[in-house]
Amino acid sequence: MISFLMLGSLIFGLIAWILPSVNIGRYKMNCNKNWAIYSILSISACAIAIGFQVIYNNHIVQIGDWSGLMDTSGTSTLLSIVLLISTLVLNGISLSMYYTKNN
């Protein structure tokens, strides 16, 4: 069950990147009615992915696997920050493309 947290975090992280990329790709097709829904879903997927990482780290602490925690906490923190920043940048690009097209 706990191993699914890592897989879920990876899947939700990819969803967080794919949805704004779809928004950016659909920019020239004039099919951007649902851009806000994609952005909200993207940020939500990013939050869920980071939440799964926190739950996984909590599980490692509860079972007392201190060496496992020390091995993975730095990389997990770095990747969570990269996921958050890149998701926000992609959604910001999507948002700016939408507003420049409508103005």
C-alpha atoms as a PDB file:
ATOM      1  CA  MET A   1       0.000   0.000   0.000  1.00  0.00           C
ATOM      2  CA  ILE A   2       2.754   2.431   0.932  1.00  0.00           C
ATOM      3  CA  SER A   3       4.630   1.794  -2.311  1.00  0.00           C
ATOM      4  CA  PHE A   4       1.584   3.108  -4.160  1.00  0.00           C
ATOM      5  CA  LEU A   5       2.229   6.519  -2.593  1.00  0.00           C
ATOM      6  CA  MET A   6       5.430   6.870  -4.603  1.00  0.00           C
ATOM      7  CA  LEU A   7       3.729   5.705  -7.789  1.00  0.00           C
ATOM      8  CA  GLY A   8       0.770   8.007  -7.117  1.00  0.00           C
ATOM      9  CA  SER A   9       3.111  10.911  -6.500  1.00  0.00           C
ATOM     10  CA  LEU A  10       4.822  10.277  -9.823  1.00  0.00           C
ATOM     11  CA  ILE A  11       1.530   9.983 -11.723  1.00  0.00           C
ATOM     12  CA  PHE A  12       0.017  13.102 -10.162  1.00  0.00           C
ATOM     13  CA  GLY A  13       3.267  15.000 -10.776  1.00  0.00           C
ATOM     14  CA  LEU A  14       3.132  14.092 -14.454  1.00  0.00           C
ATOM     15  CA  ILE A  15      -0.528  15.121 -14.600  1.00  0.00           C
ATOM     16  CA  ALA A  16       0.442  18.456 -13.032  1.00  0.00           C
ATOM     17  CA  TRP A  17       2.861  19.041 -15.929  1.00  0.00           C
ATOM     18  CA  ILE A  18       0.734  17.587 -18.737  1.00  0.00           C
ATOM     19  CA  LEU A  19      -2.414  19.646 -18.150  1.00  0.00           C
ATOM     20  CA  PRO A  20      -0.841  23.107 -18.596  1.00  0.00           C
ATOM     21  CA  SER A  21       1.182  21.733 -21.511  1.00  0.00           C
ATOM     22  CA  VAL A  22      -2.101  20.731 -23.148  1.00  0.00           C
ATOM     23  CA  ASN A  23      -3.375  24.263 -22.517  1.00  0.00           C
ATOM     24  CA  ILE A  24      -0.299  25.733 -24.182  1.00  0.00           C
ATOM     25  CA  GLY A  25      -0.558  23.283 -27.089  1.00  0.00           C
ATOM     26  CA  ARG A  26      -4.216  24.123 -27.683  1.00  0.00           C
ATOM     27  CA  TYR A  27      -3.471  27.856 -27.775  1.00  0.00           C
ATOM     28  CA  LYS A  28      -3.438  28.172 -31.578  1.00  0.00           C
ATOM     29  CA  MET A  29      -6.505  25.967 -32.060  1.00  0.00           C
ATOM     30  CA  ASN A  30      -8.821  28.482 -30.338  1.00  0.00           C
ATOM     31  CA  CYS A  31      -9.989  25.683 -28.012  1.00  0.00           C
ATOM     32  CA  ASN A  32      -9.109  27.357 -24.754  1.00  0.00           C
ATOM     33  CA  LYS A  33     -12.532  27.530 -23.122  1.00  0.00           C
ATOM     34  CA  ASN A  34     -11.472  25.178 -20.336  1.00  0.00           C
ATOM     35  CA  TRP A  35      -8.086  26.699 -19.571  1.00  0.00           C
ATOM     36  CA  ALA A  36      -9.096  27.578 -15.988  1.00  0.00           C
ATOM     37  CA  ILE A  37     -10.281  24.035 -15.264  1.00  0.00           C
ATOM     38  CA  TYR A  38      -6.995  22.607 -16.578  1.00  0.00           C
ATOM     39  CA  SER A  39      -5.010  25.036 -14.434  1.00  0.00           C
ATOM     40  CA  ILE A  40      -6.989  24.248 -11.292  1.00  0.00           C
ATOM     41  CA  LEU A  41      -6.659  20.513 -11.916  1.00  0.00           C
ATOM     42  CA  SER A  42      -2.926  20.925 -12.559  1.00  0.00           C
ATOM     43  CA  ILE A  43      -2.296  22.754  -9.303  1.00  0.00           C
ATOM     44  CA  SER A  44      -4.496  20.254  -7.452  1.00  0.00           C
ATOM     45  CA  ALA A  45      -2.524  17.338  -8.919  1.00  0.00           C
ATOM     46  CA  CYS A  46       0.693  19.035  -7.815  1.00  0.00           C
ATOM     47  CA  ALA A  47      -0.681  19.427  -4.278  1.00  0.00           C
ATOM     48  CA  ILE A  48      -1.743  15.775  -4.181  1.00  0.00           C
ATOM     49  CA  ALA A  49       1.681  14.632  -5.400  1.00  0.00           C
ATOM     50  CA  ILE A  50       3.450  16.649  -2.715  1.00  0.00           C
ATOM     51  CA  GLY A  51       0.936  15.423  -0.142  1.00  0.00           C
ATOM     52  CA  PHE A  52       1.752  11.828  -1.063  1.00  0.00           C
ATOM     53  CA  GLN A  53       5.432  12.593  -0.441  1.00  0.00           C
ATOM     54  CA  VAL A  54       4.621  13.990   2.998  1.00  0.00           C
ATOM     55  CA  ILE A  55       2.521  10.928   3.868  1.00  0.00           C
ATOM     56  CA  TYR A  56       5.327   8.635   2.698  1.00  0.00           C
ATOM     57  CA  ASN A  57       7.892  10.495   4.819  1.00  0.00           C
ATOM     58  CA  ASN A  58       5.528  10.283   7.788  1.00  0.00           C
ATOM     59  CA  HIS A  59       5.255   6.541   7.288  1.00  0.00           C
ATOM     60  CA  ILE A  60       9.034   6.188   7.240  1.00  0.00           C
ATOM     61  CA  VAL A  61       9.243   8.132  10.521  1.00  0.00           C
ATOM     62  CA  GLN A  62       6.511   6.011  12.131  1.00  0.00           C
ATOM     63  CA  ILE A  63       8.246   2.736  11.330  1.00  0.00           C
ATOM     64  CA  GLY A  64      11.576   4.158  12.502  1.00  0.00           C
ATOM     65  CA  ASP A  65      13.518   3.712   9.260  1.00  0.00           C
ATOM     66  CA  TRP A  66      15.887   6.589   9.976  1.00  0.00           C
ATOM     67  CA  SER A  67      18.489   5.557   7.425  1.00  0.00           C
ATOM     68  CA  GLY A  68      15.789   5.391   4.747  1.00  0.00           C
ATOM     69  CA  LEU A  69      14.561   8.823   5.743  1.00  0.00           C
ATOM     70  CA  MET A  70      18.055  10.293   5.646  1.00  0.00           C
ATOM     71  CA  ASP A  71      18.659   8.731   2.232  1.00  0.00           C
ATOM     72  CA  THR A  72      15.473  10.036   0.612  1.00  0.00           C
ATOM     73  CA  SER A  73      14.519  13.271   2.371  1.00  0.00           C
ATOM     74  CA  GLY A  74      16.912  15.562   0.482  1.00  0.00           C
ATOM     75  CA  THR A  75      15.973  14.264  -2.942  1.00  0.00           C
ATOM     76  CA  SER A  76      12.286  14.198  -2.068  1.00  0.00           C
ATOM     77  CA  THR A  77      12.412  17.815  -0.909  1.00  0.00           C
ATOM     78  CA  LEU A  78      14.306  18.966  -3.994  1.00  0.00           C
ATOM     79  CA  LEU A  79      11.974  17.180  -6.394  1.00  0.00           C
ATOM     80  CA  SER A  80       8.897  18.538  -4.608  1.00  0.00           C
ATOM     81  CA  ILE A  81      10.231  22.074  -4.987  1.00  0.00           C
ATOM     82  CA  VAL A  82      11.038  21.475  -8.674  1.00  0.00           C
ATOM     83  CA  LEU A  83       7.534  20.068  -9.229  1.00  0.00           C
ATOM     84  CA  LEU A  84       5.897  23.028  -7.517  1.00  0.00           C
ATOM     85  CA  ILE A  85       7.921  25.707  -9.297  1.00  0.00           C
ATOM     86  CA  SER A  86       7.622  24.118 -12.738  1.00  0.00           C
ATOM     87  CA  THR A  87       3.870  23.607 -12.298  1.00  0.00           C
ATOM     88  CA  LEU A  88       3.426  27.237 -11.307  1.00  0.00           C
ATOM     89  CA  VAL A  89       5.575  28.436 -14.232  1.00  0.00           C
ATOM     90  CA  LEU A  90       3.666  26.302 -16.749  1.00  0.00           C
ATOM     91  CA  ASN A  91       0.329  27.501 -15.402  1.00  0.00           C
ATOM     92  CA  GLY A  92       1.601  31.091 -15.440  1.00  0.00           C
ATOM     93  CA  ILE A  93       2.575  30.746 -19.094  1.00  0.00           C
ATOM     94  CA  SER A  94      -0.836  29.281 -19.877  1.00  0.00           C
ATOM     95  CA  LEU A  95      -2.565  32.099 -18.004  1.00  0.00           C
ATOM     96  CA  SER A  96      -0.542  34.811 -19.732  1.00  0.00           C
ATOM     97  CA  MET A  97      -1.208  33.266 -23.149  1.00  0.00           C
ATOM     98  CA  TYR A  98      -4.943  33.242 -22.418  1.00  0.00           C
ATOM     99  CA  TYR A  99      -5.033  36.865 -21.297  1.00  0.00           C
ATOM    100  CA  THR A 100      -2.900  38.166 -24.176  1.00  0.00           C
ATOM    101  CA  LYS A 101      -5.153  36.399 -26.652  1.00  0.00           C
ATOM    102  CA  ASN A 102      -8.335  37.871 -25.149  1.00  0.00           C
ATOM    103  CA  ASN A 103      -6.994  41.427 -24.883  1.00  0.00           C
END
